[in-house]
Amino acid sequence: MPRHVLDESRIHTSIRDTVANHHRHMVDQVEAAIAKHTVLVVGMVFNPMPKKARAALDAAGIAHGYLEFGSYFNNWRERNALKMWTGWPTFPMVFVKGVLVGGANDVQALIASGELKNCLRKNPRHHRGLQKWASPSHVLIVVRPMLPSAHGFGIKSFPLFRC
């Protein structure tokens, strides 16, 4: 799914650093939380939908992390950086194993179908001996053999995790 974004060649060199780093601390904070939590909800005060997503996860017995950024009255510019980064227009933003799965209604649908619990049971997030590189549609996994062999490393391409 290629997302339509303005090509870097169409952004003047004098503003590229601003575009690349505008409220980057917000994105970095979410990335750090994604690395720490298998399921992460990113929300804001006074918005009932993050509460709805968290309540659905709690009712399903799914542990999750939560980050909250401001309210309708403040921090909208900082939150906008997250919307531009993900392409998701609203809060909450729910991540499962690092993948944006949508908002509260999307999480409720994944829970109701059983797909969310199924996704959490398979494909462990971290595996010893593996290094991963992601492309828009696949993850390349380079496997270091436990025993030395003439073949060295094995490389295989897998579709990205999808819920």
N, C-alpha and C. Protein backbone atom coordinates (compact mmCIF):
# COMPACT_ATOMS: atom_id res chain seq x y z
N MET A 1 0.83 -1.16 0.00
CA MET A 1 0.00 0.00 0.00
C MET A 1 0.88 1.24 0.00
N PRO A 2 1.25 1.71 -1.14
CA PRO A 2 2.03 2.95 -1.16
C PRO A 2 1.15 4.13 -0.76
N ARG A 3 1.66 4.94 0.14
CA ARG A 3 0.92 6.11 0.59
C ARG A 3 1.45 7.32 -0.16
N HIS A 4 0.57 8.17 -0.59
CA HIS A 4 0.95 9.34 -1.38
C HIS A 4 1.52 10.40 -0.44
N VAL A 5 2.82 10.63 -0.56
CA VAL A 5 3.48 11.70 0.19
C VAL A 5 4.31 12.51 -0.79
N LEU A 6 4.57 13.73 -0.46
CA LEU A 6 5.34 14.61 -1.32
C LEU A 6 6.76 14.09 -1.41
N ASP A 7 7.22 13.87 -2.62
CA ASP A 7 8.57 13.36 -2.84
C ASP A 7 9.61 14.35 -2.33
N GLU A 8 10.67 13.82 -1.74
CA GLU A 8 11.72 14.67 -1.18
C GLU A 8 12.30 15.63 -2.22
N SER A 9 12.37 15.21 -3.47
CA SER A 9 12.91 16.07 -4.53
C SER A 9 12.04 17.32 -4.75
N ARG A 10 10.81 17.28 -4.24
CA ARG A 10 9.91 18.42 -4.39
C ARG A 10 9.85 19.27 -3.12
N ILE A 11 10.76 19.02 -2.20
CA ILE A 11 10.88 19.82 -0.98
C ILE A 11 12.20 20.57 -1.05
N HIS A 12 12.15 21.87 -0.93
CA HIS A 12 13.35 22.68 -1.06
C HIS A 12 14.39 22.27 -0.02
N THR A 13 15.64 22.26 -0.42
CA THR A 13 16.72 21.80 0.47
C THR A 13 16.80 22.63 1.75
N SER A 14 16.40 23.89 1.70
CA SER A 14 16.51 24.74 2.89
C SER A 14 15.53 24.35 4.00
N ILE A 15 14.47 23.58 3.67
CA ILE A 15 13.49 23.21 4.70
C ILE A 15 13.44 21.70 4.97
N ARG A 16 14.26 20.92 4.30
CA ARG A 16 14.20 19.47 4.46
C ARG A 16 14.45 19.03 5.90
N ASP A 17 15.38 19.68 6.58
CA ASP A 17 15.66 19.30 7.97
C ASP A 17 14.45 19.58 8.86
N THR A 18 13.77 20.68 8.61
CA THR A 18 12.55 20.99 9.37
C THR A 18 11.48 19.94 9.12
N VAL A 19 11.29 19.58 7.87
CA VAL A 19 10.28 18.57 7.52
C VAL A 19 10.62 17.23 8.16
N ALA A 20 11.88 16.86 8.09
CA ALA A 20 12.30 15.55 8.60
C ALA A 20 12.25 15.46 10.12
N ASN A 21 12.43 16.58 10.81
CA ASN A 21 12.58 16.53 12.27
C ASN A 21 11.51 17.28 13.04
N HIS A 22 10.45 17.72 12.39
CA HIS A 22 9.39 18.48 13.06
C HIS A 22 8.74 17.62 14.15
N HIS A 23 8.92 18.00 15.39
CA HIS A 23 8.40 17.27 16.56
C HIS A 23 8.82 15.80 16.54
N ARG A 24 10.03 15.58 16.10
CA ARG A 24 10.57 14.21 16.01
C ARG A 24 10.58 13.52 17.37
N HIS A 25 10.72 14.30 18.44
CA HIS A 25 10.72 13.71 19.79
C HIS A 25 9.44 12.94 20.07
N MET A 26 8.34 13.37 19.48
CA MET A 26 7.06 12.66 19.67
C MET A 26 7.12 11.28 19.01
N VAL A 27 7.60 11.25 17.79
CA VAL A 27 7.73 9.98 17.06
C VAL A 27 8.70 9.06 17.78
N ASP A 28 9.82 9.62 18.24
CA ASP A 28 10.81 8.81 18.96
C ASP A 28 10.22 8.22 20.23
N GLN A 29 9.41 9.00 20.93
CA GLN A 29 8.79 8.51 22.16
C GLN A 29 7.83 7.37 21.87
N VAL A 30 7.05 7.48 20.80
CA VAL A 30 6.13 6.40 20.43
C VAL A 30 6.92 5.18 19.97
N GLU A 31 7.96 5.37 19.18
CA GLU A 31 8.79 4.25 18.72
C GLU A 31 9.39 3.50 19.92
N ALA A 32 9.86 4.23 20.92
CA ALA A 32 10.42 3.59 22.12
C ALA A 32 9.35 2.78 22.85
N ALA A 33 8.14 3.32 22.94
CA ALA A 33 7.06 2.60 23.61
C ALA A 33 6.62 1.38 22.80
N ILE A 34 6.64 1.48 21.48
CA ILE A 34 6.32 0.34 20.63
C ILE A 34 7.32 -0.79 20.86
N ALA A 35 8.58 -0.44 21.01
CA ALA A 35 9.61 -1.45 21.26
C ALA A 35 9.43 -2.11 22.63
N LYS A 36 8.82 -1.40 23.56
CA LYS A 36 8.65 -1.90 24.92
C LYS A 36 7.36 -2.70 25.10
N HIS A 37 6.29 -2.37 24.37
CA HIS A 37 4.98 -2.97 24.57
C HIS A 37 4.53 -3.73 23.32
N THR A 38 4.04 -4.94 23.51
CA THR A 38 3.50 -5.70 22.38
C THR A 38 2.27 -5.01 21.82
N VAL A 39 1.44 -4.46 22.69
CA VAL A 39 0.27 -3.69 22.28
C VAL A 39 0.39 -2.31 22.92
N LEU A 40 0.26 -1.28 22.09
CA LEU A 40 0.38 0.10 22.57
C LEU A 40 -0.78 0.93 22.06
N VAL A 41 -1.39 1.69 22.97
CA VAL A 41 -2.45 2.63 22.62
C VAL A 41 -1.89 4.03 22.81
N VAL A 42 -2.00 4.86 21.78
CA VAL A 42 -1.57 6.25 21.85
C VAL A 42 -2.84 7.10 21.81
N GLY A 43 -3.03 7.93 22.84
CA GLY A 43 -4.27 8.69 22.93
C GLY A 43 -4.07 10.10 23.44
N MET A 44 -5.17 10.68 23.88
CA MET A 44 -5.18 12.04 24.39
C MET A 44 -6.32 12.20 25.41
N VAL A 45 -6.20 13.20 26.26
CA VAL A 45 -7.20 13.48 27.30
C VAL A 45 -8.50 13.96 26.64
N PHE A 46 -9.61 13.66 27.27
CA PHE A 46 -10.95 14.09 26.87
C PHE A 46 -11.50 13.37 25.64
N ASN A 47 -10.69 12.61 24.95
CA ASN A 47 -11.17 11.88 23.78
C ASN A 47 -11.68 10.53 24.28
N PRO A 48 -12.94 10.21 24.08
CA PRO A 48 -13.47 8.95 24.61
C PRO A 48 -12.98 7.70 23.88
N MET A 49 -12.47 7.86 22.67
CA MET A 49 -12.09 6.69 21.89
C MET A 49 -10.85 5.95 22.44
N PRO A 50 -9.81 6.64 22.94
CA PRO A 50 -8.72 5.90 23.57
C PRO A 50 -9.22 5.08 24.77
N LYS A 51 -10.13 5.64 25.55
CA LYS A 51 -10.72 4.91 26.68
C LYS A 51 -11.47 3.68 26.19
N LYS A 52 -12.17 3.84 25.09
CA LYS A 52 -12.93 2.73 24.50
C LYS A 52 -11.97 1.61 24.05
N ALA A 53 -10.87 1.98 23.42
CA ALA A 53 -9.88 0.98 22.97
C ALA A 53 -9.26 0.27 24.17
N ARG A 54 -8.89 1.03 25.18
CA ARG A 54 -8.26 0.44 26.36
C ARG A 54 -9.25 -0.46 27.11
N ALA A 55 -10.50 -0.05 27.20
CA ALA A 55 -11.52 -0.87 27.88
C ALA A 55 -11.73 -2.18 27.13
N ALA A 56 -11.73 -2.12 25.80
CA ALA A 56 -11.90 -3.34 25.00
C ALA A 56 -10.71 -4.29 25.20
N LEU A 57 -9.51 -3.73 25.23
CA LEU A 57 -8.31 -4.55 25.46
C LEU A 57 -8.33 -5.15 26.87
N ASP A 58 -8.71 -4.35 27.86
CA ASP A 58 -8.81 -4.84 29.24
C ASP A 58 -9.84 -5.96 29.34
N ALA A 59 -11.00 -5.77 28.71
CA ALA A 59 -12.07 -6.78 28.76
C ALA A 59 -11.63 -8.09 28.10
N ALA A 60 -10.77 -7.97 27.10
CA ALA A 60 -10.27 -9.16 26.40
C ALA A 60 -9.06 -9.77 27.11
N GLY A 61 -8.61 -9.12 28.19
CA GLY A 61 -7.46 -9.63 28.93
C GLY A 61 -6.13 -9.43 28.21
N ILE A 62 -6.05 -8.38 27.39
CA ILE A 62 -4.84 -8.10 26.61
C ILE A 62 -4.09 -6.95 27.26
N ALA A 63 -2.90 -7.25 27.77
CA ALA A 63 -2.06 -6.22 28.38
C ALA A 63 -1.61 -5.23 27.31
N HIS A 64 -1.51 -3.95 27.70
CA HIS A 64 -1.11 -2.94 26.73
C HIS A 64 -0.47 -1.76 27.44
N GLY A 65 0.36 -1.06 26.69
CA GLY A 65 0.92 0.19 27.18
C GLY A 65 0.06 1.34 26.71
N TYR A 66 0.23 2.50 27.35
CA TYR A 66 -0.56 3.66 26.97
C TYR A 66 0.29 4.92 27.05
N LEU A 67 0.22 5.71 25.99
CA LEU A 67 0.84 7.03 25.97
C LEU A 67 -0.27 8.04 25.74
N GLU A 68 -0.20 9.16 26.46
CA GLU A 68 -1.22 10.19 26.33
C GLU A 68 -0.54 11.52 26.03
N PHE A 69 -1.01 12.17 24.98
CA PHE A 69 -0.40 13.42 24.54
C PHE A 69 -1.43 14.53 24.49
N GLY A 70 -1.50 15.33 25.55
CA GLY A 70 -2.32 16.52 25.56
C GLY A 70 -3.81 16.27 25.48
N SER A 71 -4.53 17.34 25.10
CA SER A 71 -5.99 17.30 25.02
C SER A 71 -6.42 18.09 23.79
N TYR A 72 -7.72 18.28 23.66
CA TYR A 72 -8.22 19.11 22.56
C TYR A 72 -7.73 20.55 22.68
N PHE A 73 -7.31 20.94 23.88
CA PHE A 73 -6.93 22.32 24.14
C PHE A 73 -5.43 22.58 24.03
N ASN A 74 -4.63 21.54 23.90
CA ASN A 74 -3.19 21.76 23.81
C ASN A 74 -2.49 20.60 23.08
N ASN A 75 -1.27 20.81 22.72
CA ASN A 75 -0.39 19.82 22.10
C ASN A 75 -0.87 19.31 20.75
N TRP A 76 -1.76 20.03 20.07
CA TRP A 76 -2.25 19.52 18.79
C TRP A 76 -1.16 19.51 17.74
N ARG A 77 -0.25 20.48 17.81
CA ARG A 77 0.85 20.49 16.83
C ARG A 77 1.74 19.26 16.99
N GLU A 78 2.03 18.92 18.23
CA GLU A 78 2.87 17.75 18.48
C GLU A 78 2.16 16.47 18.03
N ARG A 79 0.87 16.36 18.33
CA ARG A 79 0.10 15.18 17.90
C ARG A 79 0.04 15.10 16.38
N ASN A 80 0.00 16.26 15.73
CA ASN A 80 -0.03 16.28 14.27
C ASN A 80 1.19 15.57 13.68
N ALA A 81 2.33 15.66 14.33
CA ALA A 81 3.53 14.96 13.85
C ALA A 81 3.29 13.45 13.82
N LEU A 82 2.55 12.93 14.81
CA LEU A 82 2.23 11.50 14.83
C LEU A 82 1.28 11.14 13.70
N LYS A 83 0.32 12.01 13.43
CA LYS A 83 -0.62 11.76 12.34
C LYS A 83 0.10 11.77 10.99
N MET A 84 1.04 12.68 10.84
CA MET A 84 1.79 12.73 9.59
C MET A 84 2.70 11.52 9.45
N TRP A 85 3.28 11.07 10.54
CA TRP A 85 4.17 9.91 10.53
C TRP A 85 3.42 8.63 10.18
N THR A 86 2.26 8.42 10.80
CA THR A 86 1.52 7.18 10.57
C THR A 86 0.57 7.25 9.38
N GLY A 87 0.08 8.44 9.08
CA GLY A 87 -0.96 8.56 8.08
C GLY A 87 -2.34 8.30 8.66
N TRP A 88 -2.40 8.00 9.97
CA TRP A 88 -3.68 7.75 10.62
C TRP A 88 -4.24 9.07 11.13
N PRO A 89 -5.49 9.43 10.78
CA PRO A 89 -5.99 10.77 11.05
C PRO A 89 -6.54 11.03 12.44
N THR A 90 -6.74 9.99 13.25
CA THR A 90 -7.42 10.20 14.54
C THR A 90 -6.69 9.47 15.67
N PHE A 91 -7.17 9.76 16.89
CA PHE A 91 -6.69 9.05 18.07
C PHE A 91 -7.84 8.24 18.63
N PRO A 92 -7.55 7.06 19.13
CA PRO A 92 -6.23 6.51 19.41
C PRO A 92 -5.58 5.95 18.15
N MET A 93 -4.28 5.71 18.31
CA MET A 93 -3.51 4.93 17.36
C MET A 93 -3.11 3.68 18.13
N VAL A 94 -3.49 2.53 17.64
CA VAL A 94 -3.20 1.28 18.34
C VAL A 94 -2.19 0.49 17.52
N PHE A 95 -1.11 0.10 18.17
CA PHE A 95 -0.05 -0.68 17.54
C PHE A 95 -0.02 -2.07 18.16
N VAL A 96 0.08 -3.08 17.33
CA VAL A 96 0.22 -4.46 17.79
C VAL A 96 1.49 -5.02 17.14
N LYS A 97 2.45 -5.39 17.99
CA LYS A 97 3.74 -5.88 17.51
C LYS A 97 4.36 -4.90 16.53
N GLY A 98 4.21 -3.61 16.81
CA GLY A 98 4.82 -2.58 15.99
C GLY A 98 4.02 -2.19 14.76
N VAL A 99 2.88 -2.84 14.53
CA VAL A 99 2.05 -2.57 13.36
C VAL A 99 0.85 -1.73 13.77
N LEU A 100 0.62 -0.62 13.07
CA LEU A 100 -0.56 0.19 13.33
C LEU A 100 -1.78 -0.58 12.84
N VAL A 101 -2.71 -0.87 13.76
CA VAL A 101 -3.91 -1.63 13.39
C VAL A 101 -5.15 -0.74 13.33
N GLY A 102 -5.01 0.54 13.65
CA GLY A 102 -6.12 1.47 13.55
C GLY A 102 -6.47 2.09 14.88
N GLY A 103 -7.77 2.35 15.07
CA GLY A 103 -8.26 2.99 16.28
C GLY A 103 -9.13 2.07 17.10
N ALA A 104 -10.00 2.65 17.91
CA ALA A 104 -10.81 1.88 18.85
C ALA A 104 -11.75 0.91 18.14
N ASN A 105 -12.44 1.37 17.13
CA ASN A 105 -13.38 0.49 16.42
C ASN A 105 -12.66 -0.65 15.72
N ASP A 106 -11.46 -0.37 15.19
CA ASP A 106 -10.68 -1.40 14.52
C ASP A 106 -10.20 -2.46 15.51
N VAL A 107 -9.79 -2.01 16.69
CA VAL A 107 -9.35 -2.95 17.73
C VAL A 107 -10.53 -3.80 18.20
N GLN A 108 -11.69 -3.17 18.38
CA GLN A 108 -12.87 -3.93 18.79
C GLN A 108 -13.20 -5.00 17.75
N ALA A 109 -13.08 -4.67 16.48
CA ALA A 109 -13.37 -5.65 15.42
C ALA A 109 -12.35 -6.79 15.44
N LEU A 110 -11.06 -6.46 15.66
CA LEU A 110 -10.03 -7.50 15.73
C LEU A 110 -10.25 -8.41 16.93
N ILE A 111 -10.69 -7.84 18.04
CA ILE A 111 -10.98 -8.64 19.24
C ILE A 111 -12.19 -9.54 18.98
N ALA A 112 -13.25 -8.96 18.43
CA ALA A 112 -14.49 -9.72 18.19
C ALA A 112 -14.27 -10.89 17.24
N SER A 113 -13.41 -10.70 16.24
CA SER A 113 -13.16 -11.77 15.27
C SER A 113 -12.19 -12.82 15.79
N GLY A 114 -11.52 -12.51 16.90
CA GLY A 114 -10.50 -13.43 17.44
C GLY A 114 -9.14 -13.25 16.79
N GLU A 115 -9.07 -12.36 15.80
CA GLU A 115 -7.83 -12.17 15.07
C GLU A 115 -6.73 -11.56 15.92
N LEU A 116 -7.09 -10.67 16.84
CA LEU A 116 -6.06 -10.03 17.66
C LEU A 116 -5.37 -11.05 18.56
N LYS A 117 -6.14 -11.88 19.25
CA LYS A 117 -5.52 -12.90 20.11
C LYS A 117 -4.71 -13.88 19.28
N ASN A 118 -5.18 -14.22 18.09
CA ASN A 118 -4.44 -15.11 17.20
C ASN A 118 -3.10 -14.48 16.80
N CYS A 119 -3.14 -13.19 16.48
CA CYS A 119 -1.91 -12.48 16.11
C CYS A 119 -0.92 -12.45 17.28
N LEU A 120 -1.43 -12.31 18.48
CA LEU A 120 -0.55 -12.23 19.65
C LEU A 120 0.04 -13.59 20.00
N ARG A 121 -0.63 -14.68 19.61
CA ARG A 121 -0.11 -16.02 19.90
C ARG A 121 1.02 -16.43 18.96
N LYS A 122 0.98 -15.98 17.71
CA LYS A 122 1.98 -16.42 16.75
C LYS A 122 3.02 -15.34 16.49
N ASN A 123 4.05 -15.73 15.80
CA ASN A 123 5.13 -14.83 15.39
C ASN A 123 5.70 -14.04 16.56
N PRO A 124 6.51 -14.67 17.40
CA PRO A 124 7.07 -13.93 18.53
C PRO A 124 7.80 -12.68 18.06
N ARG A 125 7.71 -11.65 18.87
CA ARG A 125 8.27 -10.35 18.51
C ARG A 125 9.79 -10.39 18.36
N HIS A 126 10.46 -11.08 19.24
CA HIS A 126 11.92 -11.15 19.20
C HIS A 126 12.35 -12.62 19.14
N HIS A 127 13.39 -12.89 18.41
CA HIS A 127 13.90 -14.26 18.34
C HIS A 127 15.42 -14.20 18.34
N ARG A 128 16.05 -14.95 19.24
CA ARG A 128 17.49 -14.97 19.34
C ARG A 128 18.09 -15.50 18.05
N GLY A 129 19.13 -14.88 17.56
CA GLY A 129 19.80 -15.34 16.36
C GLY A 129 19.25 -14.78 15.08
N LEU A 130 18.24 -13.91 15.17
CA LEU A 130 17.65 -13.35 13.95
C LEU A 130 17.89 -11.85 13.90
N GLN A 131 18.14 -11.37 12.71
CA GLN A 131 18.17 -9.93 12.48
C GLN A 131 17.15 -9.65 11.40
N LYS A 132 16.39 -8.57 11.54
CA LYS A 132 15.31 -8.29 10.60
C LYS A 132 15.55 -6.96 9.90
N TRP A 133 15.21 -6.93 8.64
CA TRP A 133 15.18 -5.71 7.85
C TRP A 133 13.82 -5.64 7.20
N ALA A 134 13.17 -4.50 7.27
CA ALA A 134 11.82 -4.38 6.73
C ALA A 134 11.82 -3.60 5.42
N SER A 135 10.99 -4.02 4.51
CA SER A 135 10.68 -3.27 3.31
C SER A 135 9.20 -2.92 3.43
N PRO A 136 8.63 -2.21 2.46
CA PRO A 136 7.20 -1.90 2.60
C PRO A 136 6.30 -3.12 2.69
N SER A 137 6.73 -4.27 2.14
CA SER A 137 5.83 -5.43 2.15
C SER A 137 6.43 -6.69 2.74
N HIS A 138 7.74 -6.73 2.98
CA HIS A 138 8.36 -7.96 3.45
C HIS A 138 9.41 -7.67 4.52
N VAL A 139 9.69 -8.68 5.29
CA VAL A 139 10.79 -8.63 6.25
C VAL A 139 11.83 -9.64 5.77
N LEU A 140 13.07 -9.20 5.66
CA LEU A 140 14.14 -10.13 5.35
C LEU A 140 14.74 -10.59 6.66
N ILE A 141 14.84 -11.88 6.82
CA ILE A 141 15.41 -12.42 8.03
C ILE A 141 16.71 -13.12 7.67
N VAL A 142 17.78 -12.68 8.29
CA VAL A 142 19.08 -13.29 8.10
C VAL A 142 19.33 -14.18 9.31
N VAL A 143 19.49 -15.47 9.07
CA VAL A 143 19.64 -16.43 10.15
C VAL A 143 21.12 -16.78 10.28
N ARG A 144 21.64 -16.59 11.47
CA ARG A 144 23.01 -17.00 11.75
C ARG A 144 22.96 -18.45 12.21
N PRO A 145 23.58 -19.36 11.47
CA PRO A 145 23.52 -20.76 11.87
C PRO A 145 24.21 -20.99 13.22
N MET A 146 23.64 -21.90 14.00
CA MET A 146 24.24 -22.22 15.30
C MET A 146 25.57 -22.94 15.11
N LEU A 147 25.65 -23.74 14.07
CA LEU A 147 26.88 -24.46 13.78
C LEU A 147 27.49 -23.90 12.51
N PRO A 148 28.82 -23.81 12.45
CA PRO A 148 29.44 -23.30 11.22
C PRO A 148 29.09 -24.21 10.04
N SER A 149 28.83 -23.60 8.91
CA SER A 149 28.55 -24.38 7.71
C SER A 149 29.17 -23.70 6.51
N ALA A 150 29.24 -24.43 5.43
CA ALA A 150 29.80 -23.88 4.21
C ALA A 150 28.89 -22.82 3.61
N HIS A 151 27.63 -22.84 4.01
CA HIS A 151 26.67 -21.92 3.42
C HIS A 151 26.65 -20.55 4.10
N GLY A 152 27.24 -20.43 5.26
CA GLY A 152 27.24 -19.15 5.95
C GLY A 152 25.86 -18.77 6.45
N PHE A 153 25.33 -17.66 5.96
CA PHE A 153 24.04 -17.16 6.42
C PHE A 153 22.92 -17.59 5.48
N GLY A 154 21.75 -17.80 6.04
CA GLY A 154 20.58 -18.06 5.22
C GLY A 154 19.72 -16.82 5.19
N ILE A 155 19.19 -16.49 4.04
CA ILE A 155 18.34 -15.30 3.90
C ILE A 155 17.00 -15.74 3.34
N LYS A 156 15.92 -15.29 3.98
CA LYS A 156 14.59 -15.62 3.52
C LYS A 156 13.71 -14.39 3.66
N SER A 157 12.78 -14.22 2.75
CA SER A 157 11.86 -13.09 2.77
C SER A 157 10.49 -13.58 3.22
N PHE A 158 9.89 -12.88 4.19
CA PHE A 158 8.57 -13.23 4.70
C PHE A 158 7.67 -12.01 4.57
N PRO A 159 6.37 -12.23 4.34
CA PRO A 159 5.45 -11.08 4.36
C PRO A 159 5.47 -10.44 5.74
N LEU A 160 5.27 -9.13 5.79
CA LEU A 160 5.20 -8.44 7.06
C LEU A 160 4.03 -8.95 7.87
N PHE A 161 4.16 -8.88 9.19
CA PHE A 161 3.09 -9.25 10.11
C PHE A 161 1.84 -8.45 9.77
N ARG A 162 0.76 -9.12 9.67
CA ARG A 162 -0.52 -8.45 9.41
C ARG A 162 -1.55 -8.97 10.41
N CYS A 163 -2.33 -8.11 10.98
CA CYS A 163 -3.45 -8.51 11.82
C CYS A 163 -4.71 -8.40 11.04
